[in-house]
Structure formats: structure tokens, C-alpha cells
């Protein structure tokens, strides 16, 4: 709905990652992942916030509630945080020395059960 029905040029590539609705359905916290730098994220969030009334009325029509919840938009940092953690783990993995077998053991063959057959 955000990508297809909102015509604000400030709104870039936006994905809704999570929605938390209060028990009485009076408020909905909408978490957005926005592609771009911090300036683009702020512009997109401003455009979406400006269209809150339209979005709220459309949601009210589509889910057939008497009172549509108040929409509160937040930028979701979890994807960036997860990407940062993945990068750090990759760096740690690349810094670990490669474990090799003890010298001499790699060339020995297993020659039975250890009993000498003489």
C-alpha cells in the first residue's frame, strides 16, 4: 500500500518489517526498513508520516474496524544491526588460525585394531 498508493516523491524503497498493535486496538507501532542513507530514511519517514491520515483511513476500510488504530511509524534498525553482527562474525572467522593436524599423525595409516598378528 505504501509503495503503490502513496505518490509522495520523498518516499523511497520502504518495507514494513513489523507491526505491534495495543490490546485495545487504539495504536499500532509500524516498524519500517528504508533503503538508503540517513537523509533518505528521514525524508521517507517524513513522507509516510504526512500520509498517516490517508493510510489510517485505508486500513480502516480494508479491515472493517469502526475505529482504525493510530499509526506510529518507526525506523527498524534490526536489519542493519543483524548485518553488522554478521560482518563482525565474518571478520572473526577470517582471523582464526586454521587448525591443522599434529605433524606425523596425518601420514600414519590405520592398520587394524592394534593387535599384532605375528
C-alpha atoms as a PDB file:
ATOM      1  CA  UNK A   1       0.000   0.000   0.000  1.00  0.00           C
ATOM      2  CA  UNK A   2       2.849   2.401   0.819  1.00  0.00           C
ATOM      3  CA  UNK A   3       4.660   1.760  -2.475  1.00  0.00           C
ATOM      4  CA  UNK A   4       1.616   1.598  -4.728  1.00  0.00           C
ATOM      5  CA  UNK A   5      -0.816   4.199  -3.382  1.00  0.00           C
ATOM      6  CA  UNK A   6       1.345   6.957  -1.926  1.00  0.00           C
ATOM      7  CA  UNK A   7       2.606   9.373  -4.587  1.00  0.00           C
ATOM      8  CA  UNK A   8       4.972  11.402  -2.384  1.00  0.00           C
ATOM      9  CA  UNK A   9       8.372  11.656  -4.145  1.00  0.00           C
ATOM     10  CA  UNK A  10      10.177  11.646  -0.781  1.00  0.00           C
ATOM     11  CA  UNK A  11       9.166   8.045  -0.140  1.00  0.00           C
ATOM     12  CA  UNK A  12      11.822   5.630  -1.361  1.00  0.00           C
ATOM     13  CA  UNK A  13      12.026   1.855  -1.105  1.00  0.00           C
ATOM     14  CA  UNK A  14      10.165   1.015   2.114  1.00  0.00           C
ATOM     15  CA  UNK A  15       9.388  -2.365   3.684  1.00  0.00           C
ATOM     16  CA  UNK A  16       7.105  -2.871   6.671  1.00  0.00           C
ATOM     17  CA  UNK A  17       9.048  -5.256   8.935  1.00  0.00           C
ATOM     18  CA  UNK A  18       6.756  -5.431  11.965  1.00  0.00           C
ATOM     19  CA  UNK A  19       3.514  -4.059  13.391  1.00  0.00           C
ATOM     20  CA  UNK A  20       2.689  -4.111  17.098  1.00  0.00           C
ATOM     21  CA  UNK A  21      -0.915  -3.324  17.977  1.00  0.00           C
ATOM     22  CA  UNK A  22      -2.049  -2.478  21.506  1.00  0.00           C
ATOM     23  CA  UNK A  23      -4.600  -4.758  23.143  1.00  0.00           C
ATOM     24  CA  UNK A  24      -7.444  -2.293  22.726  1.00  0.00           C
ATOM     25  CA  UNK A  25      -6.509  -1.663  19.055  1.00  0.00           C
ATOM     26  CA  UNK A  26      -6.090   2.057  19.681  1.00  0.00           C
ATOM     27  CA  UNK A  27      -2.466   2.298  18.492  1.00  0.00           C
ATOM     28  CA  UNK A  28      -0.254   0.454  16.047  1.00  0.00           C
ATOM     29  CA  UNK A  29       3.525   0.803  16.085  1.00  0.00           C
ATOM     30  CA  UNK A  30       4.668   0.248  12.496  1.00  0.00           C
ATOM     31  CA  UNK A  31       8.360  -0.585  12.003  1.00  0.00           C
ATOM     32  CA  UNK A  32       9.826   0.274   8.604  1.00  0.00           C
ATOM     33  CA  UNK A  33      13.028  -0.723   6.881  1.00  0.00           C
ATOM     34  CA  UNK A  34      14.004   2.036   4.473  1.00  0.00           C
ATOM     35  CA  UNK A  35      16.687   1.621   1.829  1.00  0.00           C
ATOM     36  CA  UNK A  36      19.163   4.498   1.592  1.00  0.00           C
ATOM     37  CA  UNK A  37      21.317   6.745   3.713  1.00  0.00           C
ATOM     38  CA  UNK A  38      20.151   8.533   6.866  1.00  0.00           C
ATOM     39  CA  UNK A  39      18.906  11.553   4.910  1.00  0.00           C
ATOM     40  CA  UNK A  40      16.803   9.371   2.592  1.00  0.00           C
ATOM     41  CA  UNK A  41      15.414   7.478   5.586  1.00  0.00           C
ATOM     42  CA  UNK A  42      14.344  10.719   7.271  1.00  0.00           C
ATOM     43  CA  UNK A  43      12.745  12.021   4.060  1.00  0.00           C
ATOM     44  CA  UNK A  44      10.828   8.771   3.547  1.00  0.00           C
ATOM     45  CA  UNK A  45       9.685   8.721   7.165  1.00  0.00           C
ATOM     46  CA  UNK A  46       8.508  12.345   6.849  1.00  0.00           C
ATOM     47  CA  UNK A  47       6.534  11.498   3.706  1.00  0.00           C
ATOM     48  CA  UNK A  48       4.901   8.478   5.335  1.00  0.00           C
ATOM     49  CA  UNK A  49       4.120  10.435   8.492  1.00  0.00           C
ATOM     50  CA  UNK A  50       2.466  13.135   6.368  1.00  0.00           C
ATOM     51  CA  UNK A  51       0.252  10.443   4.789  1.00  0.00           C
ATOM     52  CA  UNK A  52      -0.753   8.904   8.141  1.00  0.00           C
ATOM     53  CA  UNK A  53      -4.375  10.073   7.839  1.00  0.00           C
ATOM     54  CA  UNK A  54      -4.758   8.531   4.387  1.00  0.00           C
ATOM     55  CA  UNK A  55      -3.116   5.263   5.469  1.00  0.00           C
ATOM     56  CA  UNK A  56      -5.249   5.084   8.596  1.00  0.00           C
ATOM     57  CA  UNK A  57      -8.488   5.567   6.652  1.00  0.00           C
ATOM     58  CA  UNK A  58      -7.469   2.969   4.043  1.00  0.00           C
ATOM     59  CA  UNK A  59      -6.587   0.448   6.750  1.00  0.00           C
ATOM     60  CA  UNK A  60      -9.920   1.149   8.452  1.00  0.00           C
ATOM     61  CA  UNK A  61     -11.777   0.429   5.206  1.00  0.00           C
ATOM     62  CA  UNK A  62      -9.828  -2.737   4.432  1.00  0.00           C
ATOM     63  CA  UNK A  63     -10.046  -4.401   7.843  1.00  0.00           C
ATOM     64  CA  UNK A  64     -13.540  -3.090   8.600  1.00  0.00           C
ATOM     65  CA  UNK A  65     -12.973  -1.670  12.043  1.00  0.00           C
ATOM     66  CA  UNK A  66     -15.171   1.032  13.484  1.00  0.00           C
ATOM     67  CA  UNK A  67     -12.085   2.883  14.721  1.00  0.00           C
ATOM     68  CA  UNK A  68      -8.799   2.397  12.898  1.00  0.00           C
ATOM     69  CA  UNK A  69      -5.742   2.419  15.180  1.00  0.00           C
ATOM     70  CA  UNK A  70      -3.492   5.462  15.426  1.00  0.00           C
ATOM     71  CA  UNK A  71      -0.399   4.720  13.333  1.00  0.00           C
ATOM     72  CA  UNK A  72       3.021   5.454  14.818  1.00  0.00           C
ATOM     73  CA  UNK A  73       5.910   4.915  12.393  1.00  0.00           C
ATOM     74  CA  UNK A  74       9.443   3.953  13.470  1.00  0.00           C
ATOM     75  CA  UNK A  75      12.590   3.115  11.521  1.00  0.00           C
ATOM     76  CA  UNK A  76      13.538  -0.513  12.171  1.00  0.00           C
ATOM     77  CA  UNK A  77      17.240  -0.814  12.946  1.00  0.00           C
ATOM     78  CA  UNK A  78      17.232  -4.615  13.391  1.00  0.00           C
ATOM     79  CA  UNK A  79      18.229  -5.431   9.791  1.00  0.00           C
ATOM     80  CA  UNK A  80      21.221  -3.073   9.919  1.00  0.00           C
ATOM     81  CA  UNK A  81      22.149  -4.429  13.352  1.00  0.00           C
ATOM     82  CA  UNK A  82      21.933  -8.029  12.093  1.00  0.00           C
ATOM     83  CA  UNK A  83      24.076  -7.161   9.075  1.00  0.00           C
ATOM     84  CA  UNK A  84      26.681  -5.539  11.338  1.00  0.00           C
ATOM     85  CA  UNK A  85      26.785  -8.635  13.571  1.00  0.00           C
ATOM     86  CA  UNK A  86      27.159 -10.886  10.515  1.00  0.00           C
ATOM     87  CA  UNK A  87      30.062  -8.753   9.257  1.00  0.00           C
ATOM     88  CA  UNK A  88      31.791  -8.880  12.648  1.00  0.00           C
ATOM     89  CA  UNK A  89      31.374 -12.658  12.844  1.00  0.00           C
ATOM     90  CA  UNK A  90      32.829 -12.970   9.343  1.00  0.00           C
ATOM     91  CA  UNK A  91      35.849 -10.904  10.397  1.00  0.00           C
ATOM     92  CA  UNK A  92      36.365 -13.047  13.493  1.00  0.00           C
ATOM     93  CA  UNK A  93      36.126 -16.223  11.430  1.00  0.00           C
ATOM     94  CA  UNK A  94      38.682 -14.959   8.898  1.00  0.00           C
ATOM     95  CA  UNK A  95      41.112 -14.041  11.710  1.00  0.00           C
ATOM     96  CA  UNK A  96      41.047 -17.512  13.331  1.00  0.00           C
ATOM     97  CA  UNK A  97      44.106 -19.631  12.500  1.00  0.00           C
ATOM     98  CA  UNK A  98      43.393 -22.764  10.508  1.00  0.00           C
ATOM     99  CA  UNK A  99      43.653 -25.800  12.772  1.00  0.00           C
ATOM    100  CA  UNK A 100      45.933 -28.441  11.298  1.00  0.00           C
ATOM    101  CA  UNK A 101      46.607 -31.960  12.444  1.00  0.00           C
ATOM    102  CA  UNK A 102      49.681 -32.772  14.513  1.00  0.00           C
ATOM    103  CA  UNK A 103      52.783 -33.423  12.409  1.00  0.00           C
ATOM    104  CA  UNK A 104      53.352 -37.106  11.785  1.00  0.00           C
ATOM    105  CA  UNK A 105      49.791 -38.205  12.527  1.00  0.00           C
ATOM    106  CA  UNK A 106      48.461 -37.136   9.155  1.00  0.00           C
ATOM    107  CA  UNK A 107      50.736 -39.570   7.317  1.00  0.00           C
ATOM    108  CA  UNK A 108      50.051 -42.597   9.520  1.00  0.00           C
ATOM    109  CA  UNK A 109      47.550 -45.108   8.266  1.00  0.00           C
ATOM    110  CA  UNK A 110      45.198 -47.067  10.494  1.00  0.00           C
ATOM    111  CA  UNK A 111      46.485 -50.634  10.265  1.00  0.00           C
ATOM    112  CA  UNK A 112      43.947 -52.633  12.168  1.00  0.00           C
ATOM    113  CA  UNK A 113      42.802 -52.960  15.738  1.00  0.00           C
ATOM    114  CA  UNK A 114      46.197 -52.646  17.376  1.00  0.00           C
ATOM    115  CA  UNK A 115      46.769 -56.396  17.938  1.00  0.00           C
ATOM    116  CA  UNK A 116      49.939 -57.654  16.392  1.00  0.00           C
ATOM    117  CA  UNK A 117      49.315 -60.656  14.146  1.00  0.00           C
ATOM    118  CA  UNK A 118      52.657 -62.472  14.132  1.00  0.00           C
END
